[in-house]
All heavy atoms as atom14 arrays in JSON, in Angstrom:
{
  "sequence": "IWLDKKEIPPGSPIWEIEIEKAIKETGAVVVLLSPDSNNSVWVRRELN",
  "atom14_mask": [
    [1, 1, 1, 1, 1, 1, 1, 1, 0, 0, 0, 0, 0, 0],
    [1, 1, 1, 1, 1, 1, 1, 1, 1, 1, 1, 1, 1, 1],
    [1, 1, 1, 1, 1, 1, 1, 1, 0, 0, 0, 0, 0, 0],
    [1, 1, 1, 1, 1, 1, 1, 1, 0, 0, 0, 0, 0, 0],
    [1, 1, 1, 1, 1, 1, 1, 1, 1, 0, 0, 0, 0, 0],
    [1, 1, 1, 1, 1, 1, 1, 1, 1, 0, 0, 0, 0, 0],
    [1, 1, 1, 1, 1, 1, 1, 1, 1, 0, 0, 0, 0, 0],
    [1, 1, 1, 1, 1, 1, 1, 1, 0, 0, 0, 0, 0, 0],
    [1, 1, 1, 1, 1, 1, 1, 0, 0, 0, 0, 0, 0, 0],
    [1, 1, 1, 1, 1, 1, 1, 0, 0, 0, 0, 0, 0, 0],
    [1, 1, 1, 1, 0, 0, 0, 0, 0, 0, 0, 0, 0, 0],
    [1, 1, 1, 1, 1, 1, 0, 0, 0, 0, 0, 0, 0, 0],
    [1, 1, 1, 1, 1, 1, 1, 0, 0, 0, 0, 0, 0, 0],
    [1, 1, 1, 1, 1, 1, 1, 1, 0, 0, 0, 0, 0, 0],
    [1, 1, 1, 1, 1, 1, 1, 1, 1, 1, 1, 1, 1, 1],
    [1, 1, 1, 1, 1, 1, 1, 1, 1, 0, 0, 0, 0, 0],
    [1, 1, 1, 1, 1, 1, 1, 1, 0, 0, 0, 0, 0, 0],
    [1, 1, 1, 1, 1, 1, 1, 1, 1, 0, 0, 0, 0, 0],
    [1, 1, 1, 1, 1, 1, 1, 1, 0, 0, 0, 0, 0, 0],
    [1, 1, 1, 1, 1, 1, 1, 1, 1, 0, 0, 0, 0, 0],
    [1, 1, 1, 1, 1, 1, 1, 1, 1, 0, 0, 0, 0, 0],
    [1, 1, 1, 1, 1, 0, 0, 0, 0, 0, 0, 0, 0, 0],
    [1, 1, 1, 1, 1, 1, 1, 1, 0, 0, 0, 0, 0, 0],
    [1, 1, 1, 1, 1, 1, 1, 1, 1, 0, 0, 0, 0, 0],
    [1, 1, 1, 1, 1, 1, 1, 1, 1, 0, 0, 0, 0, 0],
    [1, 1, 1, 1, 1, 1, 1, 0, 0, 0, 0, 0, 0, 0],
    [1, 1, 1, 1, 0, 0, 0, 0, 0, 0, 0, 0, 0, 0],
    [1, 1, 1, 1, 1, 0, 0, 0, 0, 0, 0, 0, 0, 0],
    [1, 1, 1, 1, 1, 1, 1, 0, 0, 0, 0, 0, 0, 0],
    [1, 1, 1, 1, 1, 1, 1, 0, 0, 0, 0, 0, 0, 0],
    [1, 1, 1, 1, 1, 1, 1, 0, 0, 0, 0, 0, 0, 0],
    [1, 1, 1, 1, 1, 1, 1, 1, 0, 0, 0, 0, 0, 0],
    [1, 1, 1, 1, 1, 1, 1, 1, 0, 0, 0, 0, 0, 0],
    [1, 1, 1, 1, 1, 1, 0, 0, 0, 0, 0, 0, 0, 0],
    [1, 1, 1, 1, 1, 1, 1, 0, 0, 0, 0, 0, 0, 0],
    [1, 1, 1, 1, 1, 1, 1, 1, 0, 0, 0, 0, 0, 0],
    [1, 1, 1, 1, 1, 1, 0, 0, 0, 0, 0, 0, 0, 0],
    [1, 1, 1, 1, 1, 1, 1, 1, 0, 0, 0, 0, 0, 0],
    [1, 1, 1, 1, 1, 1, 1, 1, 0, 0, 0, 0, 0, 0],
    [1, 1, 1, 1, 1, 1, 0, 0, 0, 0, 0, 0, 0, 0],
    [1, 1, 1, 1, 1, 1, 1, 0, 0, 0, 0, 0, 0, 0],
    [1, 1, 1, 1, 1, 1, 1, 1, 1, 1, 1, 1, 1, 1],
    [1, 1, 1, 1, 1, 1, 1, 0, 0, 0, 0, 0, 0, 0],
    [1, 1, 1, 1, 1, 1, 1, 1, 1, 1, 1, 0, 0, 0],
    [1, 1, 1, 1, 1, 1, 1, 1, 1, 1, 1, 0, 0, 0],
    [1, 1, 1, 1, 1, 1, 1, 1, 1, 0, 0, 0, 0, 0],
    [1, 1, 1, 1, 1, 1, 1, 1, 0, 0, 0, 0, 0, 0],
    [1, 1, 1, 1, 1, 1, 1, 1, 0, 0, 0, 0, 0, 0]
  ],
  "atom14_positions": [
    [[0.83, -1.2, 0.0], [0.0, 0.0, 0.0], [0.87, 1.25, 0.0], [1.79, 1.37, 0.8], [-0.92, 0.02, 1.24], [-1.74, -1.28, 1.33], [-1.81, 1.25, 1.24], [-2.62, -1.56, 0.14], [0.0, 0.0, 0.0], [0.0, 0.0, 0.0], [0.0, 0.0, 0.0], [0.0, 0.0, 0.0], [0.0, 0.0, 0.0], [0.0, 0.0, 0.0]],
    [[0.54, 2.18, -0.9], [1.17, 3.5, -0.87], [0.19, 4.42, -0.18], [-0.94, 4.61, -0.63], [1.47, 4.02, -2.28], [2.36, 5.23, -2.25], [3.71, 5.23, -2.42], [1.98, 6.59, -2.04], [4.19, 6.51, -2.32], [3.15, 7.37, -2.08], [0.77, 7.24, -1.8], [3.14, 8.75, -1.91], [0.76, 8.61, -1.63], [1.94, 9.35, -1.68]],
    [[0.63, 4.98, 0.92], [-0.21, 5.85, 1.74], [0.57, 7.11, 2.03], [1.7, 7.06, 2.52], [-0.56, 5.1, 3.03], [-1.66, 5.66, 3.89], [-2.98, 5.75, 3.13], [-1.82, 4.79, 5.12], [0.0, 0.0, 0.0], [0.0, 0.0, 0.0], [0.0, 0.0, 0.0], [0.0, 0.0, 0.0], [0.0, 0.0, 0.0], [0.0, 0.0, 0.0]],
    [[-0.03, 8.25, 1.73], [0.67, 9.52, 1.89], [1.28, 9.69, 3.28], [2.41, 10.14, 3.43], [-0.25, 10.7, 1.55], [-1.51, 10.77, 2.41], [-1.8, 9.82, 3.16], [-2.21, 11.79, 2.32], [0.0, 0.0, 0.0], [0.0, 0.0, 0.0], [0.0, 0.0, 0.0], [0.0, 0.0, 0.0], [0.0, 0.0, 0.0], [0.0, 0.0, 0.0]],
    [[0.55, 9.3, 4.31], [1.02, 9.47, 5.69], [2.3, 8.69, 5.97], [3.11, 9.1, 6.79], [-0.05, 9.01, 6.68], [-1.25, 9.93, 6.71], [-2.43, 9.32, 7.41], [-2.21, 9.09, 8.87], [-3.46, 8.81, 9.59], [0.0, 0.0, 0.0], [0.0, 0.0, 0.0], [0.0, 0.0, 0.0], [0.0, 0.0, 0.0], [0.0, 0.0, 0.0]],
    [[2.49, 7.57, 5.27], [3.67, 6.74, 5.48], [4.81, 7.09, 4.54], [5.97, 6.94, 4.9], [3.3, 5.27, 5.3], [2.46, 4.72, 6.42], [1.99, 3.29, 6.2], [2.96, 2.4, 5.49], [2.48, 1.05, 5.23], [0.0, 0.0, 0.0], [0.0, 0.0, 0.0], [0.0, 0.0, 0.0], [0.0, 0.0, 0.0], [0.0, 0.0, 0.0]],
    [[4.48, 7.53, 3.34], [5.49, 7.68, 2.3], [6.05, 9.09, 2.14], [7.11, 9.26, 1.55], [4.92, 7.21, 0.95], [4.34, 5.82, 0.96], [5.38, 4.73, 1.19], [6.57, 4.95, 0.9], [4.99, 3.65, 1.66], [0.0, 0.0, 0.0], [0.0, 0.0, 0.0], [0.0, 0.0, 0.0], [0.0, 0.0, 0.0], [0.0, 0.0, 0.0]],
    [[5.35, 10.08, 2.65], [5.8, 11.47, 2.48], [6.14, 12.04, 3.85], [5.27, 12.09, 4.72], [4.72, 12.34, 1.81], [4.34, 11.77, 0.44], [5.22, 13.78, 1.65], [3.17, 12.49, -0.21], [0.0, 0.0, 0.0], [0.0, 0.0, 0.0], [0.0, 0.0, 0.0], [0.0, 0.0, 0.0], [0.0, 0.0, 0.0], [0.0, 0.0, 0.0]],
    [[7.38, 12.47, 4.04], [7.74, 13.06, 5.34], [6.93, 14.33, 5.59], [6.69, 15.12, 4.67], [9.23, 13.41, 5.17], [9.7, 12.65, 3.98], [8.5, 12.41, 3.11], [0.0, 0.0, 0.0], [0.0, 0.0, 0.0], [0.0, 0.0, 0.0], [0.0, 0.0, 0.0], [0.0, 0.0, 0.0], [0.0, 0.0, 0.0], [0.0, 0.0, 0.0]],
    [[6.48, 14.53, 6.84], [5.74, 15.76, 7.16], [6.53, 17.01, 6.78], [7.74, 17.06, 6.98], [5.55, 15.68, 8.69], [5.7, 14.23, 9.0], [6.65, 13.67, 7.99], [0.0, 0.0, 0.0], [0.0, 0.0, 0.0], [0.0, 0.0, 0.0], [0.0, 0.0, 0.0], [0.0, 0.0, 0.0], [0.0, 0.0, 0.0], [0.0, 0.0, 0.0]],
    [[5.84, 17.96, 6.2], [6.47, 19.21, 5.81], [7.29, 19.14, 4.53], [7.97, 20.08, 4.16], [0.0, 0.0, 0.0], [0.0, 0.0, 0.0], [0.0, 0.0, 0.0], [0.0, 0.0, 0.0], [0.0, 0.0, 0.0], [0.0, 0.0, 0.0], [0.0, 0.0, 0.0], [0.0, 0.0, 0.0], [0.0, 0.0, 0.0], [0.0, 0.0, 0.0]],
    [[7.22, 18.01, 3.82], [8.0, 17.84, 2.6], [7.54, 18.85, 1.55], [6.35, 18.95, 1.25], [7.83, 16.43, 2.04], [8.46, 16.32, 0.79], [0.0, 0.0, 0.0], [0.0, 0.0, 0.0], [0.0, 0.0, 0.0], [0.0, 0.0, 0.0], [0.0, 0.0, 0.0], [0.0, 0.0, 0.0], [0.0, 0.0, 0.0], [0.0, 0.0, 0.0]],
    [[8.49, 19.59, 0.95], [8.11, 20.56, -0.07], [7.73, 19.92, -1.4], [7.17, 20.58, -2.26], [9.36, 21.43, -0.22], [10.48, 20.52, 0.18], [9.92, 19.61, 1.23], [0.0, 0.0, 0.0], [0.0, 0.0, 0.0], [0.0, 0.0, 0.0], [0.0, 0.0, 0.0], [0.0, 0.0, 0.0], [0.0, 0.0, 0.0], [0.0, 0.0, 0.0]],
    [[8.02, 18.64, -1.56], [7.74, 17.99, -2.85], [6.61, 16.96, -2.73], [6.52, 16.03, -3.53], [9.0, 17.33, -3.43], [9.55, 16.26, -2.48], [10.05, 18.37, -3.77], [10.6, 15.37, -3.11], [0.0, 0.0, 0.0], [0.0, 0.0, 0.0], [0.0, 0.0, 0.0], [0.0, 0.0, 0.0], [0.0, 0.0, 0.0], [0.0, 0.0, 0.0]],
    [[5.71, 17.14, -1.77], [4.66, 16.16, -1.53], [3.77, 15.95, -2.76], [3.37, 14.84, -3.06], [3.83, 16.53, -0.31], [3.16, 17.85, -0.4], [3.67, 19.06, -0.03], [1.86, 18.12, -0.92], [2.76, 20.06, -0.28], [1.64, 19.51, -0.83], [0.86, 17.33, -1.44], [0.46, 20.12, -1.24], [-0.32, 17.93, -1.86], [-0.51, 19.31, -1.76]],
    [[3.49, 17.02, -3.49], [2.63, 16.88, -4.66], [3.31, 16.04, -5.74], [2.68, 15.2, -6.39], [2.28, 18.28, -5.21], [1.16, 18.27, -6.19], [0.67, 19.67, -6.54], [1.11, 20.65, -5.91], [-0.15, 19.78, -7.45], [0.0, 0.0, 0.0], [0.0, 0.0, 0.0], [0.0, 0.0, 0.0], [0.0, 0.0, 0.0], [0.0, 0.0, 0.0]],
    [[4.6, 16.24, -5.91], [5.37, 15.45, -6.87], [5.39, 13.98, -6.46], [5.27, 13.09, -7.3], [6.81, 16.01, -7.0], [6.76, 17.39, -7.65], [7.7, 15.06, -7.79], [8.06, 18.16, -7.6], [0.0, 0.0, 0.0], [0.0, 0.0, 0.0], [0.0, 0.0, 0.0], [0.0, 0.0, 0.0], [0.0, 0.0, 0.0], [0.0, 0.0, 0.0]],
    [[5.51, 13.72, -5.16], [5.51, 12.35, -4.67], [4.17, 11.66, -4.92], [4.13, 10.47, -5.26], [5.86, 12.31, -3.18], [7.29, 12.7, -2.89], [8.3, 11.75, -3.52], [8.08, 10.52, -3.51], [9.32, 12.24, -4.03], [0.0, 0.0, 0.0], [0.0, 0.0, 0.0], [0.0, 0.0, 0.0], [0.0, 0.0, 0.0], [0.0, 0.0, 0.0]],
    [[3.08, 12.38, -4.76], [1.75, 11.81, -5.04], [1.62, 11.49, -6.53], [1.17, 10.4, -6.9], [0.64, 12.77, -4.57], [0.59, 12.77, -3.04], [-0.72, 12.37, -5.16], [-0.33, 13.8, -2.44], [0.0, 0.0, 0.0], [0.0, 0.0, 0.0], [0.0, 0.0, 0.0], [0.0, 0.0, 0.0], [0.0, 0.0, 0.0], [0.0, 0.0, 0.0]],
    [[2.05, 12.4, -7.39], [1.99, 12.15, -8.83], [2.82, 10.93, -9.21], [2.38, 10.08, -9.98], [2.48, 13.38, -9.6], [1.55, 14.55, -9.53], [2.11, 15.8, -10.19], [3.26, 15.78, -10.69], [1.39, 16.81, -10.23], [0.0, 0.0, 0.0], [0.0, 0.0, 0.0], [0.0, 0.0, 0.0], [0.0, 0.0, 0.0], [0.0, 0.0, 0.0]],
    [[4.02, 10.84, -8.66], [4.91, 9.71, -8.95], [4.27, 8.41, -8.5], [4.3, 7.41, -9.22], [6.25, 9.93, -8.25], [7.25, 8.83, -8.47], [8.54, 9.12, -7.71], [9.46, 7.93, -7.77], [10.6, 8.08, -6.88], [0.0, 0.0, 0.0], [0.0, 0.0, 0.0], [0.0, 0.0, 0.0], [0.0, 0.0, 0.0], [0.0, 0.0, 0.0]],
    [[3.69, 8.41, -7.31], [3.07, 7.19, -6.79], [1.9, 6.75, -7.66], [1.74, 5.55, -7.93], [2.6, 7.43, -5.36], [0.0, 0.0, 0.0], [0.0, 0.0, 0.0], [0.0, 0.0, 0.0], [0.0, 0.0, 0.0], [0.0, 0.0, 0.0], [0.0, 0.0, 0.0], [0.0, 0.0, 0.0], [0.0, 0.0, 0.0], [0.0, 0.0, 0.0]],
    [[1.09, 7.69, -8.12], [-0.04, 7.33, -8.98], [0.47, 6.8, -10.33], [-0.04, 5.8, -10.84], [-1.0, 8.52, -9.17], [-1.71, 8.82, -7.83], [-2.03, 8.22, -10.27], [-2.53, 10.09, -7.83], [0.0, 0.0, 0.0], [0.0, 0.0, 0.0], [0.0, 0.0, 0.0], [0.0, 0.0, 0.0], [0.0, 0.0, 0.0], [0.0, 0.0, 0.0]],
    [[1.48, 7.43, -10.89], [2.04, 6.97, -12.17], [2.57, 5.54, -12.06], [2.49, 4.77, -13.01], [3.16, 7.89, -12.63], [2.7, 9.22, -13.15], [3.9, 10.08, -13.53], [3.49, 11.46, -13.97], [4.65, 12.33, -14.23], [0.0, 0.0, 0.0], [0.0, 0.0, 0.0], [0.0, 0.0, 0.0], [0.0, 0.0, 0.0], [0.0, 0.0, 0.0]],
    [[3.15, 5.2, -10.91], [3.81, 3.9, -10.76], [2.91, 2.82, -10.16], [3.31, 1.66, -10.1], [5.05, 4.06, -9.89], [6.11, 4.9, -10.56], [7.35, 5.12, -9.71], [7.36, 4.71, -8.52], [8.29, 5.73, -10.22], [0.0, 0.0, 0.0], [0.0, 0.0, 0.0], [0.0, 0.0, 0.0], [0.0, 0.0, 0.0], [0.0, 0.0, 0.0]],
    [[1.71, 3.17, -9.75], [0.84, 2.19, -9.09], [0.17, 1.26, -10.08], [-0.01, 1.59, -11.25], [-0.22, 2.91, -8.22], [-0.8, 1.96, -7.34], [-1.31, 3.55, -9.06], [0.0, 0.0, 0.0], [0.0, 0.0, 0.0], [0.0, 0.0, 0.0], [0.0, 0.0, 0.0], [0.0, 0.0, 0.0], [0.0, 0.0, 0.0], [0.0, 0.0, 0.0]],
    [[-0.23, 0.12, -9.57], [-1.01, -0.81, -10.37], [-2.49, -0.52, -10.29], [-3.25, -0.86, -11.19], [0.0, 0.0, 0.0], [0.0, 0.0, 0.0], [0.0, 0.0, 0.0], [0.0, 0.0, 0.0], [0.0, 0.0, 0.0], [0.0, 0.0, 0.0], [0.0, 0.0, 0.0], [0.0, 0.0, 0.0], [0.0, 0.0, 0.0], [0.0, 0.0, 0.0]],
    [[-2.91, 0.12, -9.19], [-4.33, 0.42, -9.0], [-4.5, 1.53, -7.97], [-3.65, 1.72, -7.11], [-5.06, -0.83, -8.52], [0.0, 0.0, 0.0], [0.0, 0.0, 0.0], [0.0, 0.0, 0.0], [0.0, 0.0, 0.0], [0.0, 0.0, 0.0], [0.0, 0.0, 0.0], [0.0, 0.0, 0.0], [0.0, 0.0, 0.0], [0.0, 0.0, 0.0]],
    [[-5.63, 2.21, -8.08], [-6.01, 3.24, -7.11], [-7.29, 2.79, -6.44], [-8.27, 2.48, -7.11], [-6.21, 4.61, -7.79], [-6.76, 5.63, -6.8], [-4.91, 5.1, -8.41], [0.0, 0.0, 0.0], [0.0, 0.0, 0.0], [0.0, 0.0, 0.0], [0.0, 0.0, 0.0], [0.0, 0.0, 0.0], [0.0, 0.0, 0.0], [0.0, 0.0, 0.0]],
    [[-7.26, 2.71, -5.12], [-8.47, 2.45, -4.34], [-8.89, 3.78, -3.76], [-8.11, 4.43, -3.05], [-8.21, 1.43, -3.22], [-9.41, 1.34, -2.29], [-7.88, 0.06, -3.81], [0.0, 0.0, 0.0], [0.0, 0.0, 0.0], [0.0, 0.0, 0.0], [0.0, 0.0, 0.0], [0.0, 0.0, 0.0], [0.0, 0.0, 0.0], [0.0, 0.0, 0.0]],
    [[-10.1, 4.21, -4.1], [-10.6, 5.48, -3.56], [-11.73, 5.17, -2.59], [-12.66, 4.44, -2.9], [-11.06, 6.45, -4.67], [-12.12, 5.86, -5.55], [-11.51, 7.77, -4.08], [0.0, 0.0, 0.0], [0.0, 0.0, 0.0], [0.0, 0.0, 0.0], [0.0, 0.0, 0.0], [0.0, 0.0, 0.0], [0.0, 0.0, 0.0], [0.0, 0.0, 0.0]],
    [[-11.59, 5.69, -1.37], [-12.59, 5.5, -0.34], [-13.61, 6.62, -0.45], [-13.28, 7.79, -0.25], [-11.93, 5.48, 1.04], [-10.82, 4.44, 1.21], [-10.28, 4.47, 2.63], [-11.3, 3.06, 0.82], [0.0, 0.0, 0.0], [0.0, 0.0, 0.0], [0.0, 0.0, 0.0], [0.0, 0.0, 0.0], [0.0, 0.0, 0.0], [0.0, 0.0, 0.0]],
    [[-14.83, 6.25, -0.79], [-15.88, 7.23, -1.07], [-16.74, 7.5, 0.15], [-17.21, 6.57, 0.81], [-16.76, 6.74, -2.21], [-16.06, 6.49, -3.54], [-17.03, 5.9, -4.55], [-15.44, 7.78, -4.07], [0.0, 0.0, 0.0], [0.0, 0.0, 0.0], [0.0, 0.0, 0.0], [0.0, 0.0, 0.0], [0.0, 0.0, 0.0], [0.0, 0.0, 0.0]],
    [[-16.92, 8.78, 0.41], [-17.75, 9.25, 1.52], [-18.15, 10.68, 1.19], [-17.6, 11.29, 0.26], [-16.95, 9.23, 2.83], [-15.95, 10.24, 2.81], [0.0, 0.0, 0.0], [0.0, 0.0, 0.0], [0.0, 0.0, 0.0], [0.0, 0.0, 0.0], [0.0, 0.0, 0.0], [0.0, 0.0, 0.0], [0.0, 0.0, 0.0], [0.0, 0.0, 0.0]],
    [[-19.06, 11.26, 1.94], [-19.37, 12.67, 1.71], [-18.12, 13.55, 1.87], [-17.92, 14.51, 1.12], [-20.42, 12.99, 2.77], [-21.14, 11.68, 2.97], [-20.04, 10.65, 2.88], [0.0, 0.0, 0.0], [0.0, 0.0, 0.0], [0.0, 0.0, 0.0], [0.0, 0.0, 0.0], [0.0, 0.0, 0.0], [0.0, 0.0, 0.0], [0.0, 0.0, 0.0]],
    [[-17.25, 13.2, 2.82], [-16.03, 13.98, 3.01], [-15.07, 13.85, 1.83], [-14.48, 14.83, 1.39], [-15.33, 13.58, 4.31], [-16.09, 14.03, 5.55], [-16.56, 15.18, 5.57], [-16.21, 13.22, 6.48], [0.0, 0.0, 0.0], [0.0, 0.0, 0.0], [0.0, 0.0, 0.0], [0.0, 0.0, 0.0], [0.0, 0.0, 0.0], [0.0, 0.0, 0.0]],
    [[-14.9, 12.64, 1.32], [-14.0, 12.49, 0.17], [-14.58, 13.15, -1.07], [-13.85, 13.69, -1.9], [-13.68, 11.01, -0.1], [-14.81, 10.32, -0.59], [0.0, 0.0, 0.0], [0.0, 0.0, 0.0], [0.0, 0.0, 0.0], [0.0, 0.0, 0.0], [0.0, 0.0, 0.0], [0.0, 0.0, 0.0], [0.0, 0.0, 0.0], [0.0, 0.0, 0.0]],
    [[-15.91, 13.14, -1.2], [-16.54, 13.79, -2.33], [-16.32, 15.3, -2.31], [-16.28, 15.94, -3.35], [-18.04, 13.47, -2.35], [-18.69, 13.82, -3.67], [-18.05, 13.76, -4.72], [-19.96, 14.16, -3.62], [0.0, 0.0, 0.0], [0.0, 0.0, 0.0], [0.0, 0.0, 0.0], [0.0, 0.0, 0.0], [0.0, 0.0, 0.0], [0.0, 0.0, 0.0]],
    [[-16.15, 15.85, -1.13], [-15.89, 17.29, -0.99], [-14.41, 17.63, -0.93], [-14.06, 18.8, -0.79], [-16.59, 17.82, 0.27], [-18.09, 17.82, 0.1], [-18.61, 18.1, -0.97], [-18.8, 17.46, 1.16], [0.0, 0.0, 0.0], [0.0, 0.0, 0.0], [0.0, 0.0, 0.0], [0.0, 0.0, 0.0], [0.0, 0.0, 0.0], [0.0, 0.0, 0.0]],
    [[-13.56, 16.64, -1.03], [-12.12, 16.87, -0.94], [-11.52, 17.23, -2.3], [-11.59, 16.45, -3.25], [-11.42, 15.6, -0.41], [-10.03, 15.71, -0.56], [0.0, 0.0, 0.0], [0.0, 0.0, 0.0], [0.0, 0.0, 0.0], [0.0, 0.0, 0.0], [0.0, 0.0, 0.0], [0.0, 0.0, 0.0], [0.0, 0.0, 0.0], [0.0, 0.0, 0.0]],
    [[-10.92, 18.39, -2.36], [-10.26, 18.82, -3.6], [-9.15, 17.84, -3.96], [-8.98, 17.47, -5.13], [-9.7, 20.25, -3.44], [-8.82, 20.63, -4.61], [-10.82, 21.24, -3.27], [0.0, 0.0, 0.0], [0.0, 0.0, 0.0], [0.0, 0.0, 0.0], [0.0, 0.0, 0.0], [0.0, 0.0, 0.0], [0.0, 0.0, 0.0], [0.0, 0.0, 0.0]],
    [[-8.41, 17.36, -2.96], [-7.28, 16.47, -3.25], [-7.71, 15.09, -3.69], [-7.08, 14.49, -4.58], [-6.3, 16.43, -2.07], [-5.44, 17.63, -2.17], [-5.53, 18.77, -1.43], [-4.44, 17.87, -3.16], [-4.62, 19.7, -1.88], [-3.93, 19.17, -2.94], [-3.91, 17.12, -4.2], [-2.93, 19.73, -3.73], [-2.91, 17.67, -4.98], [-2.44, 18.96, -4.74]],
    [[-8.76, 14.55, -3.14], [-9.25, 13.26, -3.62], [-9.66, 13.4, -5.09], [-9.31, 12.56, -5.92], [-10.41, 12.73, -2.76], [-11.08, 11.52, -3.41], [-9.92, 12.38, -1.36], [0.0, 0.0, 0.0], [0.0, 0.0, 0.0], [0.0, 0.0, 0.0], [0.0, 0.0, 0.0], [0.0, 0.0, 0.0], [0.0, 0.0, 0.0], [0.0, 0.0, 0.0]],
    [[-10.34, 14.47, -5.42], [-10.74, 14.69, -6.81], [-9.53, 14.86, -7.73], [-9.51, 14.32, -8.84], [-11.67, 15.89, -6.92], [-13.06, 15.59, -6.36], [-13.97, 16.81, -6.44], [-15.3, 16.46, -5.98], [-16.29, 16.07, -6.77], [-16.08, 15.97, -8.07], [-17.46, 15.79, -6.27], [0.0, 0.0, 0.0], [0.0, 0.0, 0.0], [0.0, 0.0, 0.0]],
    [[-8.52, 15.57, -7.27], [-7.3, 15.73, -8.08], [-6.61, 14.39, -8.3], [-6.14, 14.09, -9.41], [-6.34, 16.71, -7.42], [-6.77, 18.14, -7.54], [-5.78, 19.08, -6.9], [-6.27, 20.44, -7.0], [-5.67, 21.47, -6.44], [-4.57, 21.32, -5.74], [-6.17, 22.69, -6.57], [0.0, 0.0, 0.0], [0.0, 0.0, 0.0], [0.0, 0.0, 0.0]],
    [[-6.52, 13.59, -7.25], [-5.9, 12.28, -7.39], [-6.68, 11.41, -8.37], [-6.08, 10.73, -9.21], [-5.8, 11.6, -6.01], [-4.8, 12.27, -5.1], [-4.92, 11.89, -3.64], [-5.86, 11.15, -3.27], [-4.06, 12.33, -2.86], [0.0, 0.0, 0.0], [0.0, 0.0, 0.0], [0.0, 0.0, 0.0], [0.0, 0.0, 0.0], [0.0, 0.0, 0.0]],
    [[-8.0, 11.44, -8.28], [-8.83, 10.67, -9.22], [-8.62, 11.13, -10.66], [-8.48, 10.31, -11.57], [-10.3, 10.78, -8.85], [-10.76, 9.93, -7.69], [-12.21, 10.25, -7.35], [-10.59, 8.46, -8.0], [0.0, 0.0, 0.0], [0.0, 0.0, 0.0], [0.0, 0.0, 0.0], [0.0, 0.0, 0.0], [0.0, 0.0, 0.0], [0.0, 0.0, 0.0]],
    [[-8.65, 12.43, -10.86], [-8.44, 12.97, -12.21], [-7.08, 12.58, -12.76], [-6.95, 12.21, -13.93], [-8.61, 14.49, -12.21], [-10.05, 14.91, -12.02], [-10.98, 14.16, -12.29], [-10.24, 16.13, -11.53], [0.0, 0.0, 0.0], [0.0, 0.0, 0.0], [0.0, 0.0, 0.0], [0.0, 0.0, 0.0], [0.0, 0.0, 0.0], [0.0, 0.0, 0.0]]
  ]
}
């Protein structure tokens, strides 16, 4: 599992690049759907 909390050091200036890299290299994306995730700009960006 690639999880932002585990893979990106807190305060990292390149966190967005790390997320993009992880998505490019992953075999699959599991998105947890809820009213909160539906309102999350970052969940939507990751999905897109």
